[in-house]
């Protein structure tokens, strides 16, 4: 047996570590005589494609990952655009809804409110204590657009971490999916005899705050090298816990920061196609939850990068929530997280109809984060097209069945002029003899590279400048061929190259912010840093 020793630096000292070894092949006779890994990968792909529904394919892939990790990730890397929607959005929504019915084997950690006071002992039950580097944590309270799913939200954490591995080469053994069971207010699940979570309503905010304080403190004590990503917390908790912990621990919220970064990148490229100066853009958000406001906060960077002041940038954003246009003096109360963008220049009667709001604002870009199916009607799209020659239409709600509009109808109603990107995938189409490819503002473009960079740089916190850098890295990763096709996002098949570009930008931003603890990376040139990042990516055997 060959043992590979690799030198590395830690706290200024050079040390040696043993590289993980591939498991030995089974003894002769335990595999068929003509078995070959390459052929087995093709066999597995054919088995996958024989399934008739996305949820069946999701179940097959989950079992394949458990039985043969290397084959699972080989299929992911070779068929990224086909498999990504099966292990994450949109299929992961159905996987969550059916989690208690389809449950087969343990995966990840479940920590409930009943464990309060002993969370550390639960965390120490994880079998790979020294290997954990990244954890996706959800409380299941706002899964996609599906509402409060309780412990049925665990597939979100599992699926997301699979994309960290496939998208950026994070080592599978370093991932830790966690679901926090703080109860559920979904009566359907409370009445379901198969439901796997606590049969109680969600705890109060005060009790949850105490639980989260203990949880984060114990996470850091148990896993000192761990990056924590919050996923699909309810809007109020998403903002409050990001603010509560981001300066104390390496933590970020993908719904707020990841979504914001990927949309910022898309807007940068869409604005270049539309050829409209930043100062002339007006962006209307239909949906003002955690994702909507998070994106709006991130898009402020687009304007400030183009020379506007923060106040001038804020004035170019309008929010619409369930009660209509968000503005000061509105009779309906404005939630705290929306107040930054509440309009101070509107004093008229409440505006509730989207078409009426578009006629008032005359936006150049319309962002949908409402989870309201078909909210962008034909009159809405035509009104957008009347305002500007190349309207930017981004229906970002997931899954597909909650998207504000579809690609083909958007092209038809805008006479082919719309610049389109969605949250979930739509098929390409032909319009007036020209091939048109829809963009997908998939957070997978951002979080794998951001996570890998945070791990490699051993950051103490994830700063706004790091998130902005991830968006710029993505925006600059388009090839000349992709720009010629007027794509706003690169091909997902290039995700490893994209993640490497994002990671280099993020590491440099961390160094500039002084939050990196891997000081040896500071002396590397950009070319050497790129090679370092690519070398650190895990590949299946």
Protein backbone atom coordinates (compact mmCIF):
# COMPACT_ATOMS: atom_id res chain seq x y z
CA UNK A 1 0.00 0.00 0.00
CA UNK A 2 1.26 3.47 -0.89
CA UNK A 3 0.87 6.15 1.78
CA UNK A 4 0.90 9.75 0.49
CA UNK A 5 2.14 12.43 2.90
CA UNK A 6 1.46 16.06 2.07
CA UNK A 7 3.14 19.03 3.79
CA UNK A 8 0.98 21.99 4.79
CA UNK A 9 1.23 25.14 6.88
CA UNK A 10 -0.76 25.71 10.09
CA UNK A 11 -0.28 28.74 12.33
CA UNK A 12 3.13 29.39 10.82
CA UNK A 13 4.36 25.81 11.28
CA UNK A 14 4.86 23.21 8.57
CA UNK A 15 3.14 19.92 9.30
CA UNK A 16 2.49 16.63 7.51
CA UNK A 17 -0.85 14.97 6.87
CA UNK A 18 -1.78 11.61 5.40
CA UNK A 19 -3.87 11.96 2.25
CA UNK A 20 -7.10 9.90 2.17
CA UNK A 21 -6.71 6.59 0.38
CA UNK A 22 -9.12 5.00 -2.03
CA UNK A 23 -10.81 1.95 -0.53
CA UNK A 24 -9.29 -1.29 -1.79
CA UNK A 25 -11.24 -3.15 -4.48
CA UNK A 26 -13.42 -6.03 -3.28
CA UNK A 27 -11.69 -9.42 -3.20
CA UNK A 28 -11.94 -11.52 -6.34
CA UNK A 29 -15.32 -13.13 -6.71
CA UNK A 30 -17.33 -10.35 -5.04
CA UNK A 31 -17.81 -8.50 -8.35
CA UNK A 32 -18.98 -9.91 -11.70
CA UNK A 33 -16.05 -10.91 -13.97
CA UNK A 34 -16.65 -8.15 -16.55
CA UNK A 35 -17.40 -5.33 -14.09
CA UNK A 36 -15.81 -1.99 -15.06
CA UNK A 37 -16.25 1.37 -13.32
CA UNK A 38 -16.77 3.33 -16.55
CA UNK A 39 -19.42 0.94 -17.79
CA UNK A 40 -21.10 0.96 -14.38
CA UNK A 41 -21.38 4.75 -14.55
CA UNK A 42 -23.17 4.45 -17.89
CA UNK A 43 -25.36 1.69 -16.43
CA UNK A 44 -26.31 3.96 -13.52
CA UNK A 45 -27.15 6.79 -15.91
CA UNK A 46 -29.44 4.50 -17.90
CA UNK A 47 -31.12 3.37 -14.69
CA UNK A 48 -31.66 7.01 -13.73
CA UNK A 49 -33.19 7.86 -17.09
CA UNK A 50 -35.52 4.88 -16.90
CA UNK A 51 -37.37 6.52 -13.98
CA UNK A 52 -40.54 8.27 -15.09
CA UNK A 53 -40.85 11.16 -12.62
CA UNK A 54 -38.41 13.68 -11.12
CA UNK A 55 -39.09 12.52 -7.54
CA UNK A 56 -38.31 8.90 -8.51
CA UNK A 57 -35.06 10.12 -10.03
CA UNK A 58 -34.29 12.07 -6.85
CA UNK A 59 -34.84 8.94 -4.75
CA UNK A 60 -32.64 6.87 -7.07
CA UNK A 61 -29.83 9.44 -6.88
CA UNK A 62 -30.07 9.56 -3.08
CA UNK A 63 -29.67 5.80 -2.90
CA UNK A 64 -26.84 5.87 -5.43
CA UNK A 65 -24.98 8.48 -3.36
CA UNK A 66 -25.32 6.25 -0.31
CA UNK A 67 -24.24 3.08 -2.13
CA UNK A 68 -21.55 4.45 -4.47
CA UNK A 69 -20.45 8.00 -3.73
CA UNK A 70 -17.90 8.17 -6.52
CA UNK A 71 -20.31 7.04 -9.22
CA UNK A 72 -22.91 9.53 -7.97
CA UNK A 73 -20.54 12.48 -8.31
CA UNK A 74 -19.14 11.23 -11.62
CA UNK A 75 -22.68 11.37 -12.99
CA UNK A 76 -23.17 14.85 -11.52
CA UNK A 77 -20.01 16.24 -13.11
CA UNK A 78 -20.67 14.63 -16.49
CA UNK A 79 -24.38 15.56 -16.62
CA UNK A 80 -24.60 18.74 -14.55
CA UNK A 81 -27.54 20.39 -16.31
CA UNK A 82 -29.57 17.16 -16.18
CA UNK A 83 -28.88 16.16 -12.58
CA UNK A 84 -28.76 19.52 -10.78
CA UNK A 85 -32.56 20.05 -11.06
CA UNK A 86 -33.07 16.54 -9.67
CA UNK A 87 -30.99 16.92 -6.52
CA UNK A 88 -31.93 20.57 -5.89
CA UNK A 89 -34.54 22.96 -7.27
CA UNK A 90 -37.11 22.27 -8.47
CA UNK A 91 -37.31 18.55 -7.47
CA UNK A 92 -36.00 19.09 -3.94
CA UNK A 93 -39.32 20.81 -3.16
CA UNK A 94 -41.18 17.54 -3.73
CA UNK A 95 -38.47 15.65 -1.85
CA UNK A 96 -39.15 17.87 1.16
CA UNK A 97 -42.92 17.53 0.94
CA UNK A 98 -42.57 13.73 0.82
CA UNK A 99 -39.61 13.38 3.19
CA UNK A 100 -41.48 11.62 5.99
CA UNK A 101 -43.19 9.27 3.54
CA UNK A 102 -40.03 8.44 1.56
CA UNK A 103 -37.56 8.31 4.48
CA UNK A 104 -35.14 5.37 4.21
CA UNK A 105 -32.00 5.92 6.24
CA UNK A 106 -30.36 8.50 8.53
CA UNK A 107 -28.43 11.30 6.89
CA UNK A 108 -27.29 14.47 8.65
CA UNK A 109 -27.99 15.69 12.17
CA UNK A 110 -31.38 16.45 13.69
CA UNK A 111 -31.35 18.75 16.71
CA UNK A 112 -34.66 19.57 18.39
CA UNK A 113 -35.80 22.10 20.96
CA UNK A 114 -35.88 19.16 23.40
CA UNK A 115 -32.07 19.08 23.13
CA UNK A 116 -31.72 22.62 24.47
CA UNK A 117 -29.06 22.62 27.18
CA UNK A 118 -27.25 19.62 25.71
CA UNK A 119 -26.76 20.62 22.06
CA UNK A 120 -23.00 20.14 22.32
CA UNK A 121 -23.39 16.46 23.23
CA UNK A 122 -25.64 15.95 20.17
CA UNK A 123 -23.13 17.64 17.87
CA UNK A 124 -20.33 15.45 19.21
CA UNK A 125 -22.24 12.39 18.00
CA UNK A 126 -21.29 13.32 14.43
CA UNK A 127 -18.90 10.56 13.28
CA UNK A 128 -16.47 12.87 11.42
CA UNK A 129 -15.79 15.56 14.01
CA UNK A 130 -12.35 16.52 12.73
CA UNK A 131 -13.30 16.60 9.06
CA UNK A 132 -16.35 18.91 9.14
CA UNK A 133 -15.74 22.16 7.24
CA UNK A 134 -19.14 23.30 6.02
CA UNK A 135 -22.67 22.89 7.34
CA UNK A 136 -26.00 23.86 5.81
CA UNK A 137 -28.52 24.51 8.58
CA UNK A 138 -32.29 24.90 8.17
CA UNK A 139 -35.20 25.03 10.58
CA UNK A 140 -37.64 24.13 7.81
CA UNK A 141 -39.78 27.18 8.45
CA UNK A 142 -39.80 28.58 4.88
CA UNK A 143 -38.79 25.93 2.38
CA UNK A 144 -38.67 27.47 -1.11
CA UNK A 145 -42.22 28.74 -1.70
CA UNK A 146 -43.78 25.80 0.13
CA UNK A 147 -44.07 27.25 3.62
CA UNK A 148 -43.38 25.66 7.01
CA UNK A 149 -42.29 22.04 6.46
CA UNK A 150 -40.64 21.37 9.83
CA UNK A 151 -38.12 18.49 9.75
CA UNK A 152 -39.28 17.70 6.23
CA UNK A 153 -36.88 20.50 5.24
CA UNK A 154 -33.81 18.27 5.72
CA UNK A 155 -33.48 17.49 1.97
CA UNK A 156 -32.71 21.19 1.44
CA UNK A 157 -29.56 20.88 3.56
CA UNK A 158 -28.60 17.55 1.99
CA UNK A 159 -29.19 18.72 -1.58
CA UNK A 160 -27.34 21.98 -1.08
CA UNK A 161 -24.26 20.22 0.27
CA UNK A 162 -24.29 17.83 -2.70
CA UNK A 163 -23.97 20.92 -4.89
CA UNK A 164 -21.03 22.21 -2.81
CA UNK A 165 -19.30 18.94 -3.65
CA UNK A 166 -20.31 18.76 -7.31
CA UNK A 167 -19.96 22.49 -7.98
CA UNK A 168 -16.74 23.37 -6.16
CA UNK A 169 -15.10 20.10 -5.15
CA UNK A 170 -15.69 20.46 -1.43
CA UNK A 171 -14.74 17.08 0.03
CA UNK A 172 -17.90 14.99 0.74
CA UNK A 173 -16.64 13.91 4.17
CA UNK A 174 -16.33 17.56 5.22
CA UNK A 175 -20.06 18.33 4.76
CA UNK A 176 -22.58 18.39 7.60
CA UNK A 177 -26.35 18.74 6.89
CA UNK A 178 -28.38 19.87 9.92
CA UNK A 179 -32.11 20.32 10.47
CA UNK A 180 -33.30 22.13 13.59
CA UNK A 181 -36.68 20.92 14.85
CA UNK A 182 -38.32 23.80 16.67
CA UNK A 183 -41.82 22.53 15.97
CA UNK A 184 -44.04 23.30 12.99
CA UNK A 185 -47.19 25.32 12.47
CA UNK A 186 -48.20 23.10 9.57
CA UNK A 187 -51.24 21.26 10.89
CA UNK A 188 -51.18 18.78 8.03
CA UNK A 189 -47.84 17.45 9.24
CA UNK A 190 -48.83 17.53 12.90
CA UNK A 191 -51.75 15.27 11.99
CA UNK A 192 -49.66 12.96 9.79
CA UNK A 193 -48.80 9.70 11.62
CA UNK A 194 -45.66 9.33 9.46
CA UNK A 195 -44.31 12.83 10.22
CA UNK A 196 -40.78 12.52 11.63
CA UNK A 197 -40.67 15.74 13.64
CA UNK A 198 -41.91 16.96 17.01
CA UNK A 199 -45.67 17.18 17.26
CA UNK A 200 -45.85 20.70 18.61
CA UNK A 201 -46.26 24.24 17.37
CA UNK A 202 -43.18 26.37 16.81
CA UNK A 203 -41.60 27.82 19.93
CA UNK A 204 -41.63 31.52 20.77
CA UNK A 205 -39.01 33.90 19.37
CA UNK A 206 -37.40 34.31 22.80
CA UNK A 207 -37.01 30.57 23.26
CA UNK A 208 -35.70 30.22 19.71
CA UNK A 209 -33.14 32.99 20.31
CA UNK A 210 -31.81 31.17 23.37
CA UNK A 211 -31.65 27.92 21.41
CA UNK A 212 -29.80 29.54 18.49
CA UNK A 213 -27.28 31.24 20.80
CA UNK A 214 -26.44 27.87 22.36
CA UNK A 215 -26.42 26.13 18.98
CA UNK A 216 -23.95 28.54 17.36
CA UNK A 217 -21.66 28.60 20.40
CA UNK A 218 -21.56 24.80 20.52
CA UNK A 219 -21.06 24.53 16.75
CA UNK A 220 -17.93 26.67 17.00
CA UNK A 221 -16.64 24.78 20.04
CA UNK A 222 -17.24 21.38 18.41
CA UNK A 223 -16.22 22.28 14.85
CA UNK A 224 -13.71 25.15 15.08
CA UNK A 225 -13.02 25.14 11.31
CA UNK A 226 -16.66 25.09 10.23
CA UNK A 227 -18.45 27.51 7.91
CA UNK A 228 -22.21 27.69 8.60
CA UNK A 229 -24.76 28.48 5.92
CA UNK A 230 -28.31 29.28 7.07
CA UNK A 231 -30.96 28.06 4.64
CA UNK A 232 -34.71 28.68 4.38
CA UNK A 233 -35.39 30.27 7.75
CA UNK A 234 -38.53 32.41 7.87
CA UNK A 235 -37.99 35.97 6.66
CA UNK A 236 -37.81 37.67 10.07
CA UNK A 237 -35.46 35.03 11.50
CA UNK A 238 -33.32 34.96 8.36
CA UNK A 239 -32.45 38.64 8.79
CA UNK A 240 -32.23 38.64 12.58
CA UNK A 241 -29.91 35.62 12.85
CA UNK A 242 -27.66 36.80 10.06
CA UNK A 243 -27.27 40.13 11.89
CA UNK A 244 -26.94 38.38 15.26
CA UNK A 245 -24.14 35.99 14.31
CA UNK A 246 -22.28 37.25 11.24
CA UNK A 247 -19.71 39.28 13.20
CA UNK A 248 -19.07 36.47 15.71
CA UNK A 249 -18.86 33.39 13.50
CA UNK A 250 -18.12 32.45 9.88
CA UNK A 251 -21.73 32.34 8.73
CA UNK A 252 -23.82 33.49 5.79
CA UNK A 253 -27.39 33.20 4.57
CA UNK A 254 -27.77 31.97 1.01
CA UNK A 255 -31.39 33.15 0.69
CA UNK A 256 -30.33 36.72 1.43
CA UNK A 257 -26.71 36.99 0.32
CA UNK A 258 -26.37 34.17 -2.22
CA UNK A 259 -29.55 35.08 -4.07
CA UNK A 260 -28.52 38.73 -4.00
CA UNK A 261 -25.10 37.94 -5.44
CA UNK A 262 -26.37 35.77 -8.29
CA UNK A 263 -28.98 38.36 -9.29
CA UNK A 264 -26.38 41.15 -9.05
CA UNK A 265 -24.21 39.20 -11.47
CA UNK A 266 -27.15 38.67 -13.82
CA UNK A 267 -28.07 42.34 -13.69
CA UNK A 268 -24.51 43.39 -14.50
CA UNK A 269 -24.56 41.29 -17.68
CA UNK A 270 -28.19 42.09 -18.55
CA UNK A 271 -27.54 45.83 -18.18
CA UNK A 272 -24.59 45.51 -20.56
CA UNK A 273 -26.87 43.84 -23.13
CA UNK A 274 -29.61 46.45 -22.62
CA UNK A 275 -27.00 49.22 -22.95
CA UNK A 276 -28.68 51.43 -20.36
CA UNK A 277 -26.49 53.58 -18.08
CA UNK A 278 -26.69 52.60 -14.40
CA UNK A 279 -28.04 56.03 -13.49
CA UNK A 280 -31.06 55.47 -15.75
CA UNK A 281 -32.05 52.07 -14.33
CA UNK A 282 -35.16 51.68 -12.17
CA UNK A 283 -35.60 48.27 -10.55
CA UNK A 284 -38.98 47.06 -9.34
CA UNK A 285 -39.17 44.10 -6.93
CA UNK A 286 -42.38 42.11 -6.83
CA UNK A 287 -41.96 40.30 -3.52
CA UNK A 288 -40.33 41.78 -0.42
CA UNK A 289 -39.44 38.80 1.76
CA UNK A 290 -35.93 37.82 2.84
CA UNK A 291 -34.87 36.93 -0.70
CA UNK A 292 -36.41 40.05 -2.27
CA UNK A 293 -34.91 42.51 0.19
CA UNK A 294 -31.63 40.59 0.24
CA UNK A 295 -31.39 40.92 -3.53
CA UNK A 296 -32.31 44.60 -3.34
CA UNK A 297 -29.56 45.23 -0.79
CA UNK A 298 -27.05 43.47 -3.02
CA UNK A 299 -28.14 45.40 -6.11
CA UNK A 300 -27.21 48.62 -4.37
CA UNK A 301 -23.66 47.46 -5.19
CA UNK A 302 -24.44 47.56 -8.91
CA UNK A 303 -25.13 51.28 -8.69
CA UNK A 304 -22.28 52.15 -6.33
CA UNK A 305 -19.83 50.22 -8.54
CA UNK A 306 -20.98 52.50 -11.35
CA UNK A 307 -20.29 55.71 -9.46
CA UNK A 308 -23.60 56.44 -7.70
CA UNK A 309 -23.80 57.22 -4.00
CA UNK A 310 -25.53 54.76 -1.67
CA UNK A 311 -28.49 57.14 -1.36
CA UNK A 312 -28.75 57.52 -5.13
CA UNK A 313 -28.64 53.73 -5.43
CA UNK A 314 -31.41 53.28 -2.84
CA UNK A 315 -33.64 55.67 -4.76
CA UNK A 316 -33.49 53.40 -7.83
CA UNK A 317 -35.18 50.47 -6.07
CA UNK A 318 -38.92 50.02 -5.51
CA UNK A 319 -40.51 47.21 -3.47
CA UNK A 320 -43.96 45.68 -3.84
CA UNK A 321 -45.27 43.35 -1.14
CA UNK A 322 -48.65 41.69 -0.58
CA UNK A 323 -50.15 45.08 0.30
CA UNK A 324 -48.79 46.93 -2.71
CA UNK A 325 -46.07 49.54 -3.18
CA UNK A 326 -43.93 49.95 -0.06
CA UNK A 327 -43.78 53.62 0.93
CA UNK A 328 -43.60 55.80 4.04
CA UNK A 329 -46.98 56.70 5.43
CA UNK A 330 -48.71 53.62 4.06
CA UNK A 331 -51.65 52.64 6.23
CA UNK A 332 -50.51 49.00 6.19
CA UNK A 333 -47.52 48.57 8.47
CA UNK A 334 -44.11 48.23 6.80
CA UNK A 335 -41.96 45.42 8.25
CA UNK A 336 -38.59 46.42 9.64
CA UNK A 337 -36.52 44.67 6.96
CA UNK A 338 -38.35 46.62 4.21
CA UNK A 339 -37.99 50.10 5.66
CA UNK A 340 -34.63 50.83 4.06
CA UNK A 341 -36.27 50.79 0.61
CA UNK A 342 -39.58 52.31 1.65
CA UNK A 343 -40.29 55.16 -0.78
CA UNK A 344 -40.12 58.64 0.65
CA UNK A 345 -41.11 60.36 -2.61
CA UNK A 346 -44.64 58.91 -2.93
CA UNK A 347 -47.52 60.44 -1.02
CA UNK A 348 -50.54 59.37 -3.07
CA UNK A 349 -53.18 56.72 -2.53
CA UNK A 350 -52.02 53.11 -1.98
CA UNK A 351 -50.90 51.40 -5.19
CA UNK A 352 -51.81 47.72 -5.13
CA UNK A 353 -52.16 46.66 -8.76
CA UNK A 354 -48.85 45.61 -10.36
CA UNK A 355 -49.73 47.07 -13.74
CA UNK A 356 -50.65 50.36 -12.11
CA UNK A 357 -47.34 50.35 -10.22
CA UNK A 358 -45.38 49.68 -13.43
CA UNK A 359 -47.08 52.60 -15.13
CA UNK A 360 -46.05 54.81 -12.18
CA UNK A 361 -42.45 53.59 -11.74
CA UNK A 362 -41.63 52.85 -15.41
CA UNK A 363 -39.02 50.25 -14.42
CA UNK A 364 -36.25 49.01 -16.68
CA UNK A 365 -36.00 45.77 -14.68
CA UNK A 366 -38.70 43.66 -13.02
CA UNK A 367 -37.64 41.14 -10.36
CA UNK A 368 -40.08 38.46 -9.22
CA UNK A 369 -39.57 36.92 -5.77
CA UNK A 370 -43.22 36.54 -4.78
CA UNK A 371 -43.83 32.78 -5.36
CA UNK A 372 -47.07 33.82 -7.12
CA UNK A 373 -47.55 31.78 -10.27
CA UNK A 374 -48.13 33.81 -13.46
CA UNK A 375 -48.08 37.15 -11.63
CA UNK A 376 -46.32 38.66 -14.65
CA UNK A 377 -49.27 38.63 -17.03
CA UNK A 378 -49.28 39.59 -20.69
CA UNK A 379 -50.31 43.22 -19.91
CA UNK A 380 -47.47 43.41 -17.34
CA UNK A 381 -44.83 42.17 -19.80
CA UNK A 382 -46.16 44.43 -22.57
CA UNK A 383 -46.08 47.40 -20.20
CA UNK A 384 -42.44 46.63 -19.39
CA UNK A 385 -41.62 46.39 -23.10
CA UNK A 386 -43.29 49.76 -23.68
CA UNK A 387 -41.01 51.40 -21.07
CA UNK A 388 -37.69 50.29 -22.51
CA UNK A 389 -36.27 48.71 -25.65
CA UNK A 390 -34.75 45.75 -23.80
CA UNK A 391 -36.76 45.09 -20.63
CA UNK A 392 -35.02 42.95 -17.99
CA UNK A 393 -37.46 40.32 -16.68
CA UNK A 394 -36.24 38.06 -13.87
CA UNK A 395 -38.98 35.73 -12.46
CA UNK A 396 -36.85 34.24 -9.69
CA UNK A 397 -39.36 32.29 -7.61
CA UNK A 398 -38.83 28.55 -7.14
CA UNK A 399 -39.91 25.93 -8.04
CA UNK A 400 -41.12 26.21 -11.66
CA UNK A 401 -44.77 25.98 -10.69
CA UNK A 402 -44.40 29.18 -8.65
CA UNK A 403 -42.54 31.17 -11.29
CA UNK A 404 -44.04 34.59 -12.09
CA UNK A 405 -43.90 33.90 -15.85
CA UNK A 406 -42.45 31.49 -18.39
CA UNK A 407 -39.69 32.04 -20.92
CA UNK A 408 -41.60 31.41 -24.14
CA UNK A 409 -44.51 33.66 -23.24
CA UNK A 410 -42.17 36.43 -22.07
CA UNK A 411 -40.47 36.40 -25.48
CA UNK A 412 -43.82 36.44 -27.28
CA UNK A 413 -45.30 39.27 -25.22
CA UNK A 414 -42.15 41.40 -25.45
CA UNK A 415 -41.72 40.71 -29.17
CA UNK A 416 -38.44 38.93 -28.46
CA UNK A 417 -36.86 41.93 -26.73
CA UNK A 418 -36.90 40.75 -23.09
CA UNK A 419 -33.67 39.81 -21.33
CA UNK A 420 -34.79 36.86 -19.25
CA UNK A 421 -33.48 34.91 -16.26
CA UNK A 422 -35.47 32.71 -13.90
CA UNK A 423 -34.94 30.94 -10.60
CA UNK A 424 -35.82 27.51 -11.97
CA UNK A 425 -34.85 26.05 -15.37
CA UNK A 426 -36.86 26.64 -18.54
CA UNK A 427 -36.09 24.99 -21.90
CA UNK A 428 -34.47 26.96 -24.68
CA UNK A 429 -36.69 27.94 -27.59
CA UNK A 430 -36.62 29.47 -31.05
CA UNK A 431 -38.14 32.88 -31.64
CA UNK A 432 -38.48 34.16 -35.20
CA UNK A 433 -35.83 31.71 -36.37
CA UNK A 434 -33.28 32.64 -33.70
CA UNK A 435 -32.12 30.33 -30.92
CA UNK A 436 -32.94 31.81 -27.51
CA UNK A 437 -31.48 30.39 -24.29
CA UNK A 438 -33.03 31.44 -20.96
CA UNK A 439 -30.77 32.40 -18.08
CA UNK A 440 -31.21 30.67 -14.75
CA UNK A 441 -30.27 32.71 -11.70
CA UNK A 442 -29.27 29.60 -9.81
CA UNK A 443 -27.54 30.21 -6.48
CA UNK A 444 -25.34 27.26 -7.39
CA UNK A 445 -23.27 29.72 -9.41
CA UNK A 446 -22.35 31.50 -6.15
CA UNK A 447 -22.44 29.44 -2.97
CA UNK A 448 -20.07 26.58 -3.93
CA UNK A 449 -17.24 28.97 -4.85
CA UNK A 450 -18.01 31.26 -1.91
CA UNK A 451 -18.00 28.29 0.46
CA UNK A 452 -14.79 26.80 -0.95
CA UNK A 453 -13.03 30.15 -0.69
CA UNK A 454 -14.17 30.62 2.91
CA UNK A 455 -12.86 27.15 3.81
CA UNK A 456 -9.50 27.59 2.07
CA UNK A 457 -8.92 31.09 3.47
CA UNK A 458 -10.17 29.97 6.92
CA UNK A 459 -12.20 33.16 7.27
CA UNK A 460 -13.39 34.44 10.62
CA UNK A 461 -16.49 36.01 9.04
CA UNK A 462 -18.16 36.39 5.65
CA UNK A 463 -18.18 40.07 4.74
CA UNK A 464 -20.38 42.00 2.33
CA UNK A 465 -17.29 42.64 0.21
CA UNK A 466 -16.76 38.87 -0.14
CA UNK A 467 -20.35 38.39 -1.32
CA UNK A 468 -19.97 41.25 -3.80
CA UNK A 469 -16.71 39.71 -5.03
CA UNK A 470 -18.51 36.43 -5.69
CA UNK A 471 -21.00 38.27 -7.92
CA UNK A 472 -18.22 40.00 -9.86
CA UNK A 473 -16.36 36.72 -10.27
CA UNK A 474 -19.49 35.13 -11.74
CA UNK A 475 -20.25 38.10 -14.01
CA UNK A 476 -16.75 37.97 -15.46
CA UNK A 477 -16.78 34.21 -16.07
CA UNK A 478 -18.79 34.34 -19.31
CA UNK A 479 -16.95 33.22 -22.44
CA UNK A 480 -17.01 35.22 -25.67
CA UNK A 481 -19.34 32.63 -27.20
CA UNK A 482 -21.77 32.98 -24.29
CA UNK A 483 -21.73 36.76 -24.58
CA UNK A 484 -22.44 36.50 -28.31
CA UNK A 485 -25.57 34.50 -27.46
CA UNK A 486 -26.62 37.29 -25.04
CA UNK A 487 -26.46 34.96 -22.05
CA UNK A 488 -26.56 36.56 -18.62
CA UNK A 489 -25.20 33.44 -16.91
CA UNK A 490 -22.58 30.95 -18.10
CA UNK A 491 -23.29 27.31 -18.94
CA UNK A 492 -23.79 25.28 -15.76
CA UNK A 493 -21.63 22.53 -17.28
CA UNK A 494 -18.62 24.79 -16.57
CA UNK A 495 -19.46 25.05 -12.87
CA UNK A 496 -16.02 23.94 -11.64
CA UNK A 497 -14.28 26.66 -13.69
CA UNK A 498 -16.88 29.20 -12.59
CA UNK A 499 -16.49 28.25 -8.92
CA UNK A 500 -12.71 28.60 -9.21
CA UNK A 501 -13.10 32.14 -10.60
CA UNK A 502 -15.54 33.01 -7.82
CA UNK A 503 -13.29 31.50 -5.14
CA UNK A 504 -10.21 33.49 -6.20
CA UNK A 505 -12.19 36.75 -6.11
CA UNK A 506 -13.65 35.89 -2.69
CA UNK A 507 -10.27 34.96 -1.19
CA UNK A 508 -8.81 38.26 -2.35
CA UNK A 509 -11.77 40.13 -0.84
CA UNK A 510 -11.31 38.25 2.46
CA UNK A 511 -7.64 39.20 2.49
CA UNK A 512 -8.45 42.84 1.83
CA UNK A 513 -11.03 42.80 4.64
CA UNK A 514 -8.53 41.17 7.00
CA UNK A 515 -10.80 38.22 7.88
CA UNK A 516 -8.59 35.50 6.36
CA UNK A 517 -6.54 33.26 8.66
CA UNK A 518 -4.64 31.39 5.91
CA UNK A 519 -1.96 34.07 5.67
CA UNK A 520 0.23 31.92 3.41
CA UNK A 521 -2.22 32.53 0.54
CA UNK A 522 -1.55 36.27 0.56
CA UNK A 523 1.83 35.87 -1.11
CA UNK A 524 0.46 33.91 -4.07
CA UNK A 525 -0.05 35.59 -7.43
CA UNK A 526 -3.54 35.40 -8.91
CA UNK A 527 -2.36 32.68 -11.28
CA UNK A 528 -0.82 30.64 -8.46
CA UNK A 529 -3.91 31.18 -6.31
CA UNK A 530 -6.11 29.89 -9.12
CA UNK A 531 -3.93 26.79 -9.41
CA UNK A 532 -4.08 26.33 -5.62
CA UNK A 533 -7.89 26.51 -5.63
CA UNK A 534 -8.21 24.09 -8.52
CA UNK A 535 -5.79 21.64 -6.89
CA UNK A 536 -7.86 21.66 -3.70
CA UNK A 537 -11.03 20.60 -5.51
CA UNK A 538 -12.07 17.02 -4.79
CA UNK A 539 -12.81 14.74 -7.73
CA UNK A 540 -14.47 11.32 -7.64
CA UNK A 541 -12.16 8.36 -8.21
